[in-house]
PDB file of N, CA and C in Angstrom:
ATOM      1  N   MET A   1      40.444  26.671 -28.831  1.00  0.00           N
ATOM      2  CA  MET A   1      39.384  26.446 -29.492  1.00  0.00           C
ATOM      3  C   MET A   1      38.952  27.911 -30.022  1.00  0.00           C
ATOM      4  N   PRO A   2      38.538  28.121 -30.990  1.00  0.00           N
ATOM      5  CA  PRO A   2      38.409  29.419 -31.695  1.00  0.00           C
ATOM      6  C   PRO A   2      36.773  29.889 -31.078  1.00  0.00           C
ATOM      7  N   PHE A   3      36.981  31.423 -31.092  1.00  0.00           N
ATOM      8  CA  PHE A   3      35.582  31.993 -30.159  1.00  0.00           C
ATOM      9  C   PHE A   3      34.173  31.576 -30.888  1.00  0.00           C
ATOM     10  N   PRO A   4      34.128  31.594 -32.351  1.00  0.00           N
ATOM     11  CA  PRO A   4      32.795  31.086 -32.688  1.00  0.00           C
ATOM     12  C   PRO A   4      32.145  29.676 -32.419  1.00  0.00           C
ATOM     13  N   THR A   5      33.223  28.839 -32.319  1.00  0.00           N
ATOM     14  CA  THR A   5      33.000  27.409 -31.905  1.00  0.00           C
ATOM     15  C   THR A   5      32.357  27.362 -30.435  1.00  0.00           C
ATOM     16  N   VAL A   6      33.076  28.176 -29.490  1.00  0.00           N
ATOM     17  CA  VAL A   6      32.669  28.192 -28.180  1.00  0.00           C
ATOM     18  C   VAL A   6      31.127  28.871 -28.102  1.00  0.00           C
ATOM     19  N   VAL A   7      30.726  29.787 -29.016  1.00  0.00           N
ATOM     20  CA  VAL A   7      29.345  30.378 -28.764  1.00  0.00           C
ATOM     21  C   VAL A   7      28.459  29.374 -29.437  1.00  0.00           C
ATOM     22  N   TRP A   8      28.861  28.366 -30.676  1.00  0.00           N
ATOM     23  CA  TRP A   8      28.026  27.515 -30.950  1.00  0.00           C
ATOM     24  C   TRP A   8      27.680  26.392 -29.800  1.00  0.00           C
ATOM     25  N   VAL A   9      28.650  26.058 -29.300  1.00  0.00           N
ATOM     26  CA  VAL A   9      28.578  24.929 -28.282  1.00  0.00           C
ATOM     27  C   VAL A   9      27.700  25.450 -27.203  1.00  0.00           C
ATOM     28  N   VAL A  10      27.761  26.641 -26.680  1.00  0.00           N
ATOM     29  CA  VAL A  10      26.995  27.037 -25.687  1.00  0.00           C
ATOM     30  C   VAL A  10      25.607  27.274 -25.944  1.00  0.00           C
ATOM     31  N   LEU A  11      25.417  27.772 -27.406  1.00  0.00           N
ATOM     32  CA  LEU A  11      23.857  27.765 -27.842  1.00  0.00           C
ATOM     33  C   LEU A  11      23.253  26.364 -28.014  1.00  0.00           C
ATOM     34  N   PHE A  12      24.192  25.579 -28.472  1.00  0.00           N
ATOM     35  CA  PHE A  12      23.684  24.084 -28.503  1.00  0.00           C
ATOM     36  C   PHE A  12      23.119  23.645 -27.127  1.00  0.00           C
ATOM     37  N   PHE A  13      24.115  23.585 -26.017  1.00  0.00           N
ATOM     38  CA  PHE A  13      23.920  23.429 -24.814  1.00  0.00           C
ATOM     39  C   PHE A  13      22.611  23.987 -24.340  1.00  0.00           C
ATOM     40  N   LEU A  14      22.444  25.152 -24.427  1.00  0.00           N
ATOM     41  CA  LEU A  14      21.205  25.899 -23.930  1.00  0.00           C
ATOM     42  C   LEU A  14      19.927  25.603 -24.773  1.00  0.00           C
ATOM     43  N   ALA A  15      19.997  25.144 -25.794  1.00  0.00           N
ATOM     44  CA  ALA A  15      18.820  24.748 -26.512  1.00  0.00           C
ATOM     45  C   ALA A  15      18.583  23.254 -25.928  1.00  0.00           C
ATOM     46  N   VAL A  16      19.536  22.412 -25.988  1.00  0.00           N
ATOM     47  CA  VAL A  16      19.243  21.157 -25.339  1.00  0.00           C
ATOM     48  C   VAL A  16      18.536  21.184 -24.154  1.00  0.00           C
ATOM     49  N   GLN A  17      19.024  22.251 -23.256  1.00  0.00           N
ATOM     50  CA  GLN A  17      18.710  22.135 -21.894  1.00  0.00           C
ATOM     51  C   GLN A  17      17.295  22.559 -22.013  1.00  0.00           C
ATOM     52  N   GLN A  18      16.814  23.598 -22.807  1.00  0.00           N
ATOM     53  CA  GLN A  18      15.676  24.119 -22.943  1.00  0.00           C
ATOM     54  C   GLN A  18      14.553  22.965 -23.308  1.00  0.00           C
ATOM     55  N   ILE A  19      14.870  22.557 -24.252  1.00  0.00           N
ATOM     56  CA  ILE A  19      14.083  21.200 -24.938  1.00  0.00           C
ATOM     57  C   ILE A  19      13.884  20.311 -23.636  1.00  0.00           C
ATOM     58  N   GLU A  20      14.966  19.773 -23.069  1.00  0.00           N
ATOM     59  CA  GLU A  20      14.776  18.887 -22.023  1.00  0.00           C
ATOM     60  C   GLU A  20      13.816  19.296 -20.664  1.00  0.00           C
ATOM     61  N   ASN A  21      14.192  20.489 -20.315  1.00  0.00           N
ATOM     62  CA  ASN A  21      13.273  21.009 -19.350  1.00  0.00           C
ATOM     63  C   ASN A  21      11.922  21.504 -19.469  1.00  0.00           C
ATOM     64  N   ASN A  22      11.519  21.807 -20.741  1.00  0.00           N
ATOM     65  CA  ASN A  22      10.478  22.400 -20.958  1.00  0.00           C
ATOM     66  C   ASN A  22       9.488  21.613 -21.928  1.00  0.00           C
ATOM     67  N   ILE A  23      10.121  20.480 -22.377  1.00  0.00           N
ATOM     68  CA  ILE A  23       9.223  19.248 -23.283  1.00  0.00           C
ATOM     69  C   ILE A  23       9.329  18.146 -22.595  1.00  0.00           C
ATOM     70  N   LEU A  24      10.658  17.462 -22.612  1.00  0.00           N
ATOM     71  CA  LEU A  24      10.674  16.077 -22.135  1.00  0.00           C
ATOM     72  C   LEU A  24      10.378  15.801 -20.572  1.00  0.00           C
ATOM     73  N   VAL A  25      10.753  16.762 -19.615  1.00  0.00           N
ATOM     74  CA  VAL A  25      10.726  16.238 -18.312  1.00  0.00           C
ATOM     75  C   VAL A  25       9.226  16.536 -18.105  1.00  0.00           C
ATOM     76  N   PRO A  26       8.343  17.408 -18.428  1.00  0.00           N
ATOM     77  CA  PRO A  26       6.952  17.416 -18.074  1.00  0.00           C
ATOM     78  C   PRO A  26       6.136  16.281 -18.769  1.00  0.00           C
ATOM     79  N   ARG A  27       6.549  15.867 -19.973  1.00  0.00           N
ATOM     80  CA  ARG A  27       5.973  14.686 -20.690  1.00  0.00           C
ATOM     81  C   ARG A  27       6.392  13.421 -19.761  1.00  0.00           C
ATOM     82  N   ILE A  28       7.604  13.007 -19.334  1.00  0.00           N
ATOM     83  CA  ILE A  28       7.900  11.926 -18.842  1.00  0.00           C
ATOM     84  C   ILE A  28       7.108  11.813 -17.339  1.00  0.00           C
ATOM     85  N   SER A  29       7.414  12.964 -16.468  1.00  0.00           N
ATOM     86  CA  SER A  29       6.957  12.906 -15.029  1.00  0.00           C
ATOM     87  C   SER A  29       5.513  12.964 -15.166  1.00  0.00           C
ATOM     88  N   GLY A  30       4.775  13.722 -16.264  1.00  0.00           N
ATOM     89  CA  GLY A  30       3.479  13.620 -16.144  1.00  0.00           C
ATOM     90  C   GLY A  30       2.860  12.392 -16.603  1.00  0.00           C
ATOM     91  N   HIS A  31       3.606  11.675 -17.480  1.00  0.00           N
ATOM     92  CA  HIS A  31       3.036  10.220 -17.907  1.00  0.00           C
ATOM     93  C   HIS A  31       3.521   9.290 -16.653  1.00  0.00           C
ATOM     94  N   ALA A  32       4.500   9.419 -15.931  1.00  0.00           N
ATOM     95  CA  ALA A  32       4.467   8.516 -14.819  1.00  0.00           C
ATOM     96  C   ALA A  32       3.447   8.771 -13.679  1.00  0.00           C
ATOM     97  N   VAL A  33       2.816   9.620 -13.495  1.00  0.00           N
ATOM     98  CA  VAL A  33       1.906  10.000 -12.471  1.00  0.00           C
ATOM     99  C   VAL A  33       0.583  10.237 -13.050  1.00  0.00           C
ATOM    100  N   GLY A  34       0.437   9.819 -14.396  1.00  0.00           N
ATOM    101  CA  GLY A  34      -0.888  10.073 -15.013  1.00  0.00           C
ATOM    102  C   GLY A  34      -1.589  11.464 -15.273  1.00  0.00           C
ATOM    103  N   LEU A  35      -0.707  12.594 -15.384  1.00  0.00           N
ATOM    104  CA  LEU A  35      -1.069  14.114 -15.545  1.00  0.00           C
ATOM    105  C   LEU A  35      -0.774  14.348 -17.047  1.00  0.00           C
ATOM    106  N   HIS A  36      -1.446  15.147 -17.620  1.00  0.00           N
ATOM    107  CA  HIS A  36      -1.332  15.987 -18.981  1.00  0.00           C
ATOM    108  C   HIS A  36       0.121  16.403 -18.761  1.00  0.00           C
ATOM    109  N   PRO A  37       0.982  16.618 -19.719  1.00  0.00           N
ATOM    110  CA  PRO A  37       2.157  17.423 -19.658  1.00  0.00           C
ATOM    111  C   PRO A  37       1.897  18.906 -19.379  1.00  0.00           C
ATOM    112  N   LEU A  38       0.941  19.301 -19.776  1.00  0.00           N
ATOM    113  CA  LEU A  38       0.666  20.989 -19.435  1.00  0.00           C
ATOM    114  C   LEU A  38       0.256  20.976 -17.998  1.00  0.00           C
ATOM    115  N   GLY A  39      -0.487  19.994 -17.606  1.00  0.00           N
ATOM    116  CA  GLY A  39      -0.835  20.008 -16.162  1.00  0.00           C
ATOM    117  C   GLY A  39       0.440  19.639 -15.085  1.00  0.00           C
ATOM    118  N   ALA A  40       1.500  18.858 -15.565  1.00  0.00           N
ATOM    119  CA  ALA A  40       2.539  18.767 -14.961  1.00  0.00           C
ATOM    120  C   ALA A  40       3.609  20.039 -15.172  1.00  0.00           C
ATOM    121  N   MET A  41       3.584  20.827 -16.072  1.00  0.00           N
ATOM    122  CA  MET A  41       4.350  21.969 -16.277  1.00  0.00           C
ATOM    123  C   MET A  41       3.603  23.053 -15.368  1.00  0.00           C
ATOM    124  N   PHE A  42       2.288  23.146 -15.270  1.00  0.00           N
ATOM    125  CA  PHE A  42       1.652  24.151 -14.335  1.00  0.00           C
ATOM    126  C   PHE A  42       1.966  23.768 -12.783  1.00  0.00           C
ATOM    127  N   ALA A  43       2.136  22.420 -12.456  1.00  0.00           N
ATOM    128  CA  ALA A  43       2.183  21.938 -11.245  1.00  0.00           C
ATOM    129  C   ALA A  43       3.664  22.444 -10.886  1.00  0.00           C
ATOM    130  N   LEU A  44       4.747  22.279 -11.826  1.00  0.00           N
ATOM    131  CA  LEU A  44       6.059  22.743 -11.469  1.00  0.00           C
ATOM    132  C   LEU A  44       6.225  24.048 -11.282  1.00  0.00           C
ATOM    133  N   LEU A  45       5.653  24.953 -12.067  1.00  0.00           N
ATOM    134  CA  LEU A  45       5.499  26.482 -11.928  1.00  0.00           C
ATOM    135  C   LEU A  45       4.939  26.914 -10.633  1.00  0.00           C
ATOM    136  N   ALA A  46       3.770  26.203 -10.323  1.00  0.00           N
ATOM    137  CA  ALA A  46       3.174  26.533  -8.991  1.00  0.00           C
ATOM    138  C   ALA A  46       4.108  26.136  -7.816  1.00  0.00           C
ATOM    139  N   GLY A  47       4.559  24.886  -8.002  1.00  0.00           N
ATOM    140  CA  GLY A  47       5.520  24.379  -6.745  1.00  0.00           C
ATOM    141  C   GLY A  47       6.815  25.218  -6.662  1.00  0.00           C
ATOM    142  N   PHE A  48       7.488  25.732  -7.674  1.00  0.00           N
ATOM    143  CA  PHE A  48       8.469  26.552  -7.810  1.00  0.00           C
ATOM    144  C   PHE A  48       8.232  27.855  -7.257  1.00  0.00           C
ATOM    145  N   GLN A  49       7.034  28.450  -7.694  1.00  0.00           N
ATOM    146  CA  GLN A  49       6.725  29.800  -7.111  1.00  0.00           C
ATOM    147  C   GLN A  49       6.411  29.867  -5.669  1.00  0.00           C
ATOM    148  N   MET A  50       5.710  28.876  -5.110  1.00  0.00           N
ATOM    149  CA  MET A  50       5.105  28.743  -3.581  1.00  0.00           C
ATOM    150  C   MET A  50       6.290  28.242  -2.805  1.00  0.00           C
ATOM    151  N   ALA A  51       7.210  27.343  -3.167  1.00  0.00           N
ATOM    152  CA  ALA A  51       8.051  26.799  -2.033  1.00  0.00           C
ATOM    153  C   ALA A  51       9.354  26.615  -2.733  1.00  0.00           C
ATOM    154  N   GLY A  52       9.765  27.178  -3.868  1.00  0.00           N
ATOM    155  CA  GLY A  52      11.243  27.315  -4.015  1.00  0.00           C
ATOM    156  C   GLY A  52      11.455  25.745  -4.737  1.00  0.00           C
ATOM    157  N   LEU A  53      12.632  25.384  -4.604  1.00  0.00           N
ATOM    158  CA  LEU A  53      13.253  24.271  -5.213  1.00  0.00           C
ATOM    159  C   LEU A  53      12.486  22.997  -4.568  1.00  0.00           C
ATOM    160  N   LEU A  54      12.396  22.815  -3.145  1.00  0.00           N
ATOM    161  CA  LEU A  54      11.531  21.787  -2.530  1.00  0.00           C
ATOM    162  C   LEU A  54      10.291  21.927  -3.010  1.00  0.00           C
ATOM    163  N   GLY A  55       9.667  22.849  -3.202  1.00  0.00           N
ATOM    164  CA  GLY A  55       8.096  22.638  -3.879  1.00  0.00           C
ATOM    165  C   GLY A  55       8.044  22.314  -5.310  1.00  0.00           C
ATOM    166  N   GLY A  56       9.392  22.674  -6.007  1.00  0.00           N
ATOM    167  CA  GLY A  56       9.344  22.067  -7.488  1.00  0.00           C
ATOM    168  C   GLY A  56       9.561  20.604  -7.431  1.00  0.00           C
ATOM    169  N   LEU A  57      10.103  20.174  -6.357  1.00  0.00           N
ATOM    170  CA  LEU A  57      10.405  18.714  -6.375  1.00  0.00           C
ATOM    171  C   LEU A  57       9.298  17.906  -5.993  1.00  0.00           C
ATOM    172  N   PHE A  58       8.402  18.182  -5.088  1.00  0.00           N
ATOM    173  CA  PHE A  58       7.295  17.833  -4.855  1.00  0.00           C
ATOM    174  C   PHE A  58       5.796  17.869  -5.527  1.00  0.00           C
ATOM    175  N   ALA A  59       6.052  18.996  -6.488  1.00  0.00           N
ATOM    176  CA  ALA A  59       4.998  19.537  -7.125  1.00  0.00           C
ATOM    177  C   ALA A  59       4.070  18.394  -8.063  1.00  0.00           C
ATOM    178  N   VAL A  60       4.897  17.703  -8.978  1.00  0.00           N
ATOM    179  CA  VAL A  60       4.445  16.769  -9.755  1.00  0.00           C
ATOM    180  C   VAL A  60       3.673  15.733  -9.191  1.00  0.00           C
ATOM    181  N   PRO A  61       4.430  14.973  -8.220  1.00  0.00           N
ATOM    182  CA  PRO A  61       3.597  13.763  -7.283  1.00  0.00           C
ATOM    183  C   PRO A  61       2.445  14.488  -6.613  1.00  0.00           C
ATOM    184  N   LEU A  62       2.713  15.359  -5.943  1.00  0.00           N
ATOM    185  CA  LEU A  62       1.257  16.076  -5.246  1.00  0.00           C
ATOM    186  C   LEU A  62       0.103  16.183  -6.203  1.00  0.00           C
ATOM    187  N   ALA A  63       0.669  16.721  -7.412  1.00  0.00           N
ATOM    188  CA  ALA A  63      -0.405  17.029  -8.304  1.00  0.00           C
ATOM    189  C   ALA A  63      -1.000  15.792  -8.805  1.00  0.00           C
ATOM    190  N   GLY A  64      -0.248  14.690  -9.146  1.00  0.00           N
ATOM    191  CA  GLY A  64      -0.873  13.350  -9.334  1.00  0.00           C
ATOM    192  C   GLY A  64      -1.697  12.843  -8.280  1.00  0.00           C
ATOM    193  N   VAL A  65      -1.284  12.747  -7.033  1.00  0.00           N
ATOM    194  CA  VAL A  65      -2.249  12.445  -5.995  1.00  0.00           C
ATOM    195  C   VAL A  65      -3.355  13.247  -6.026  1.00  0.00           C
ATOM    196  N   LEU A  66      -3.315  14.557  -6.136  1.00  0.00           N
ATOM    197  CA  LEU A  66      -4.622  15.317  -5.959  1.00  0.00           C
ATOM    198  C   LEU A  66      -5.589  15.097  -7.272  1.00  0.00           C
ATOM    199  N   TRP A  67      -4.917  14.599  -8.412  1.00  0.00           N
ATOM    200  CA  TRP A  67      -5.522  14.488  -9.611  1.00  0.00           C
ATOM    201  C   TRP A  67      -6.518  12.994  -9.481  1.00  0.00           C
ATOM    202  N   VAL A  68      -5.705  12.115  -8.934  1.00  0.00           N
ATOM    203  CA  VAL A  68      -6.476  10.763  -8.635  1.00  0.00           C
ATOM    204  C   VAL A  68      -7.494  10.842  -7.607  1.00  0.00           C
ATOM    205  N   LEU A  69      -7.462  11.611  -6.495  1.00  0.00           N
ATOM    206  CA  LEU A  69      -8.392  11.824  -5.462  1.00  0.00           C
ATOM    207  C   LEU A  69      -9.465  12.327  -6.155  1.00  0.00           C
ATOM    208  N   LEU A  70      -9.391  13.453  -6.884  1.00  0.00           N
ATOM    209  CA  LEU A  70     -10.474  14.482  -7.474  1.00  0.00           C
ATOM    210  C   LEU A  70     -11.114  13.554  -8.312  1.00  0.00           C
ATOM    211  N   SER A  71     -10.719  12.929  -9.324  1.00  0.00           N
ATOM    212  CA  SER A  71     -11.019  12.136 -10.502  1.00  0.00           C
ATOM    213  C   SER A  71     -12.076  10.827  -9.812  1.00  0.00           C
ATOM    214  N   ALA A  72     -11.536  10.315  -8.784  1.00  0.00           N
ATOM    215  CA  ALA A  72     -12.097   9.271  -8.140  1.00  0.00           C
ATOM    216  C   ALA A  72     -13.609   9.824  -7.403  1.00  0.00           C
ATOM    217  N   ALA A  73     -13.383  11.071  -6.863  1.00  0.00           N
ATOM    218  CA  ALA A  73     -14.439  11.677  -6.152  1.00  0.00           C
ATOM    219  C   ALA A  73     -15.466  12.104  -7.242  1.00  0.00           C
ATOM    220  N   TYR A  74     -15.091  12.480  -8.174  1.00  0.00           N
ATOM    221  CA  TYR A  74     -15.915  12.961  -9.428  1.00  0.00           C
ATOM    222  C   TYR A  74     -16.644  11.756  -9.916  1.00  0.00           C
ATOM    223  N   ARG A  75     -16.064  10.677 -10.236  1.00  0.00           N
ATOM    224  CA  ARG A  75     -16.357   9.505 -10.735  1.00  0.00           C
ATOM    225  C   ARG A  75     -17.508   9.059  -9.741  1.00  0.00           C
ATOM    226  N   ASN A  76     -17.339   8.900  -8.588  1.00  0.00           N
ATOM    227  CA  ASN A  76     -18.275   8.620  -7.463  1.00  0.00           C
ATOM    228  C   ASN A  76     -19.523   9.207  -7.242  1.00  0.00           C
ATOM    229  N   ALA A  77     -19.327  10.636  -7.476  1.00  0.00           N
ATOM    230  CA  ALA A  77     -20.489  11.452  -7.578  1.00  0.00           C
ATOM    231  C   ALA A  77     -21.244  11.567  -8.931  1.00  0.00           C
ATOM    232  N   VAL A  78     -20.627  11.315 -10.024  1.00  0.00           N
ATOM    233  CA  VAL A  78     -21.340  11.180 -11.126  1.00  0.00           C
ATOM    234  C   VAL A  78     -22.048   9.855 -11.491  1.00  0.00           C
ATOM    235  N   THR A  79     -21.477   8.677 -11.142  1.00  0.00           N
ATOM    236  CA  THR A  79     -21.767   7.427 -11.291  1.00  0.00           C
ATOM    237  C   THR A  79     -23.057   7.130 -10.321  1.00  0.00           C
ATOM    238  N   PRO A  80     -24.182   6.637 -10.785  1.00  0.00           N
ATOM    239  CA  PRO A  80     -25.390   6.280 -10.131  1.00  0.00           C
ATOM    240  C   PRO A  80     -25.027   4.975  -9.301  1.00  0.00           C
ATOM    241  N   GLU A  81     -25.502   4.693  -8.001  1.00  0.00           N
ATOM    242  CA  GLU A  81     -25.202   3.653  -7.420  1.00  0.00           C
ATOM    243  C   GLU A  81     -26.234   2.699  -7.792  1.00  0.00           C
ATOM    244  N   PRO A  82     -25.654   1.411  -8.166  1.00  0.00           N
ATOM    245  CA  PRO A  82     -26.756   0.418  -8.698  1.00  0.00           C
ATOM    246  C   PRO A  82     -27.567   0.065  -7.549  1.00  0.00           C
ATOM    247  N   PRO A  83     -28.841  -0.405  -8.062  1.00  0.00           N
ATOM    248  CA  PRO A  83     -29.834  -0.769  -7.067  1.00  0.00           C
ATOM    249  C   PRO A  83     -29.419  -2.069  -6.551  1.00  0.00           C
ATOM    250  N   PRO A  84     -30.110  -2.347  -5.307  1.00  0.00           N
ATOM    251  CA  PRO A  84     -29.408  -3.545  -4.738  1.00  0.00           C
ATOM    252  C   PRO A  84     -30.186  -4.736  -5.388  1.00  0.00           C
ATOM    253  N   SER A  85     -29.568  -5.770  -5.461  1.00  0.00           N
ATOM    254  CA  SER A  85     -30.237  -7.112  -6.075  1.00  0.00           C
ATOM    255  C   SER A  85     -30.863  -7.849  -5.205  1.00  0.00           C
ATOM    256  N   ARG A  86     -31.837  -8.306  -5.376  1.00  0.00           N
ATOM    257  CA  ARG A  86     -32.837  -9.021  -4.578  1.00  0.00           C
ATOM    258  C   ARG A  86     -32.429 -10.466  -4.633  1.00  0.00           C
ATOM    259  N   GLY A  87     -31.750 -10.983  -5.726  1.00  0.00           N
ATOM    260  CA  GLY A  87     -31.229 -12.195  -5.601  1.00  0.00           C
ATOM    261  C   GLY A  87     -30.305 -12.721  -4.712  1.00  0.00           C
ATOM    262  N   TRP A  88     -29.279 -11.756  -4.303  1.00  0.00           N
ATOM    263  CA  TRP A  88     -28.398 -12.169  -3.288  1.00  0.00           C
ATOM    264  C   TRP A  88     -29.044 -12.415  -2.130  1.00  0.00           C
ATOM    265  N   ALA A  89     -29.690 -11.536  -1.591  1.00  0.00           N
ATOM    266  CA  ALA A  89     -30.614 -11.796  -0.222  1.00  0.00           C
ATOM    267  C   ALA A  89     -31.482 -12.818   0.001  1.00  0.00           C
ATOM    268  N   LEU A  90     -32.123 -13.166  -1.315  1.00  0.00           N
ATOM    269  CA  LEU A  90     -33.083 -14.352  -1.369  1.00  0.00           C
ATOM    270  C   LEU A  90     -32.181 -15.570  -1.529  1.00  0.00           C
ATOM    271  N   GLY A  91     -31.498 -15.637  -2.157  1.00  0.00           N
ATOM    272  CA  GLY A  91     -30.324 -16.559  -2.484  1.00  0.00           C
ATOM    273  C   GLY A  91     -29.542 -17.017  -1.178  1.00  0.00           C
ATOM    274  N   ARG A  92     -29.281 -16.194  -0.268  1.00  0.00           N
ATOM    275  CA  ARG A  92     -28.655 -16.577   1.144  1.00  0.00           C
ATOM    276  C   ARG A  92     -29.735 -17.113   1.873  1.00  0.00           C
ATOM    277  N   TRP A  93     -30.991 -16.382   1.726  1.00  0.00           N
ATOM    278  CA  TRP A  93     -31.987 -17.242   2.889  1.00  0.00           C
ATOM    279  C   TRP A  93     -32.292 -18.573   2.496  1.00  0.00           C
ATOM    280  N   ARG A  94     -32.607 -18.618   1.232  1.00  0.00           N
ATOM    281  CA  ARG A  94     -32.954 -20.203   0.615  1.00  0.00           C
ATOM    282  C   ARG A  94     -31.812 -21.082   0.933  1.00  0.00           C
ATOM    283  N   ARG A  95     -30.395 -20.607   0.967  1.00  0.00           N
ATOM    284  CA  ARG A  95     -29.533 -21.660   1.185  1.00  0.00           C
ATOM    285  C   ARG A  95     -29.369 -22.055   2.695  1.00  0.00           C
ATOM    286  N   ARG A  96     -29.961 -21.197   3.464  1.00  0.00           N
ATOM    287  CA  ARG A  96     -29.849 -21.580   4.893  1.00  0.00           C
ATOM    288  C   ARG A  96     -31.107 -22.452   5.319  1.00  0.00           C
ATOM    289  N   THR A  97     -32.077 -22.306   4.413  1.00  0.00           N
ATOM    290  CA  THR A  97     -33.426 -23.072   4.892  1.00  0.00           C
ATOM    291  C   THR A  97     -33.221 -24.658   4.104  1.00  0.00           C
ATOM    292  N   PRO A  98     -33.131 -25.633   4.978  1.00  0.00           N
ATOM    293  CA  PRO A  98     -32.895 -26.859   4.450  1.00  0.00           C
ATOM    294  C   PRO A  98     -33.984 -27.465   3.550  1.00  0.00           C
ATOM    295  N   THR A  99     -33.547 -28.027   2.463  1.00  0.00           N
ATOM    296  CA  THR A  99     -34.436 -28.703   1.646  1.00  0.00           C
ATOM    297  C   THR A  99     -35.123 -29.951   2.055  1.00  0.00           C
ATOM    298  N   PRO A 100     -36.347 -30.149   1.967  1.00  0.00           N
ATOM    299  CA  PRO A 100     -37.009 -31.250   2.599  1.00  0.00           C
ATOM    300  C   PRO A 100     -36.479 -32.426   1.699  1.00  0.00           C
ATOM    301  N   THR A 101     -36.408 -33.478   2.404  1.00  0.00           N
ATOM    302  CA  THR A 101     -36.278 -34.723   1.786  1.00  0.00           C
ATOM    303  C   THR A 101     -37.652 -35.405   1.492  1.00  0.00           C
ATOM    304  N   PRO A 102     -37.669 -36.265   0.379  1.00  0.00           N
ATOM    305  CA  PRO A 102     -38.808 -37.010   0.119  1.00  0.00           C
ATOM    306  C   PRO A 102     -39.326 -37.860   1.507  1.00  0.00           C
ATOM    307  N   GLU A 103     -38.639 -38.324   2.162  1.00  0.00           N
ATOM    308  CA  GLU A 103     -38.808 -38.872   3.326  1.00  0.00           C
ATOM    309  C   GLU A 103     -39.651 -38.257   4.467  1.00  0.00           C
ATOM    310  N   ALA A 104     -38.882 -37.023   4.555  1.00  0.00           N
ATOM    311  CA  ALA A 104     -39.497 -36.136   5.642  1.00  0.00           C
ATOM    312  C   ALA A 104     -41.180 -35.670   5.264  1.00  0.00           C
ATOM    313  N   VAL A 105     -41.130 -35.546   3.607  1.00  0.00           N
ATOM    314  CA  VAL A 105     -42.530 -35.070   3.527  1.00  0.00           C
ATOM    315  C   VAL A 105     -43.644 -36.102   3.569  1.00  0.00           C
ATOM    316  N   GLY A 106     -43.073 -37.334   3.485  1.00  0.00           N
ATOM    317  CA  GLY A 106     -44.020 -38.420   3.450  1.00  0.00           C
ATOM    318  C   GLY A 106     -44.100 -39.231   2.174  1.00  0.00           C
ATOM    319  N   GLY A 107     -43.195 -39.105   1.353  1.00  0.00           N
ATOM    320  CA  GLY A 107     -43.384 -39.532  -0.015  1.00  0.00           C
ATOM    321  C   GLY A 107     -42.217 -40.732  -0.106  1.00  0.00           C
ATOM    322  N   ARG A 108     -42.117 -41.487  -1.236  1.00  0.00           N
ATOM    323  CA  ARG A 108     -41.175 -42.582  -1.435  1.00  0.00           C
ATOM    324  C   ARG A 108     -39.828 -41.847  -1.791  1.00  0.00           C
ATOM    325  N   PRO A 109     -38.692 -42.450  -1.195  1.00  0.00           N
ATOM    326  CA  PRO A 109     -37.499 -42.168  -1.730  1.00  0.00           C
ATOM    327  C   PRO A 109     -37.164 -42.425  -3.159  1.00  0.00           C
ATOM    328  N   HIS A 110     -36.536 -41.583  -3.826  1.00  0.00           N
ATOM    329  CA  HIS A 110     -36.203 -41.797  -5.258  1.00  0.00           C
ATOM    330  C   HIS A 110     -35.330 -43.042  -5.333  1.00  0.00           C
ATOM    331  N   ASP A 111     -35.455 -44.067  -6.224  1.00  0.00           N
ATOM    332  CA  ASP A 111     -34.802 -45.186  -6.481  1.00  0.00           C
ATOM    333  C   ASP A 111     -34.123 -45.054  -7.808  1.00  0.00           C
ATOM    334  N   ALA A 112     -32.936 -45.113  -7.923  1.00  0.00           N
ATOM    335  CA  ALA A 112     -32.157 -45.072  -9.303  1.00  0.00           C
ATOM    336  C   ALA A 112     -32.387 -46.197 -10.093  1.00  0.00           C
ATOM    337  N   SER A 113     -32.679 -47.412  -9.655  1.00  0.00           N
ATOM    338  CA  SER A 113     -32.856 -48.558 -10.402  1.00  0.00           C
ATOM    339  C   SER A 113     -34.294 -48.699 -10.942  1.00  0.00           C
ATOM    340  N   SER A 114     -35.399 -47.933 -10.862  1.00  0.00           N
ATOM    341  CA  SER A 114     -36.585 -48.084 -11.319  1.00  0.00           C
ATOM    342  C   SER A 114     -36.858 -46.920 -12.397  1.00  0.00           C
TER     343      SER A 114
END
């Protein structure tokens, strides 16, 4: 193989690797855990910086868990709690109280034929 072809092949593989590592992997892993690709990239960089290769492996899933927990806490803090409905408590009380029959009240029973 001539020398210029080797250089072009090496450059091509470097370009494909850079595109895969810097564009595709953050998008795919971020989409899988619900993170923005830039957030996944920052998680990867922080994980590698703090704990090396092992930190890089667990950075995106850990960032996804933290994102879900923080967004749920924010939603619970911002969303007002609905007022308690009075109908549920009264409805349960009424169901427990037996309905009086006409005979018990002293009236005539309802006759379907009349």
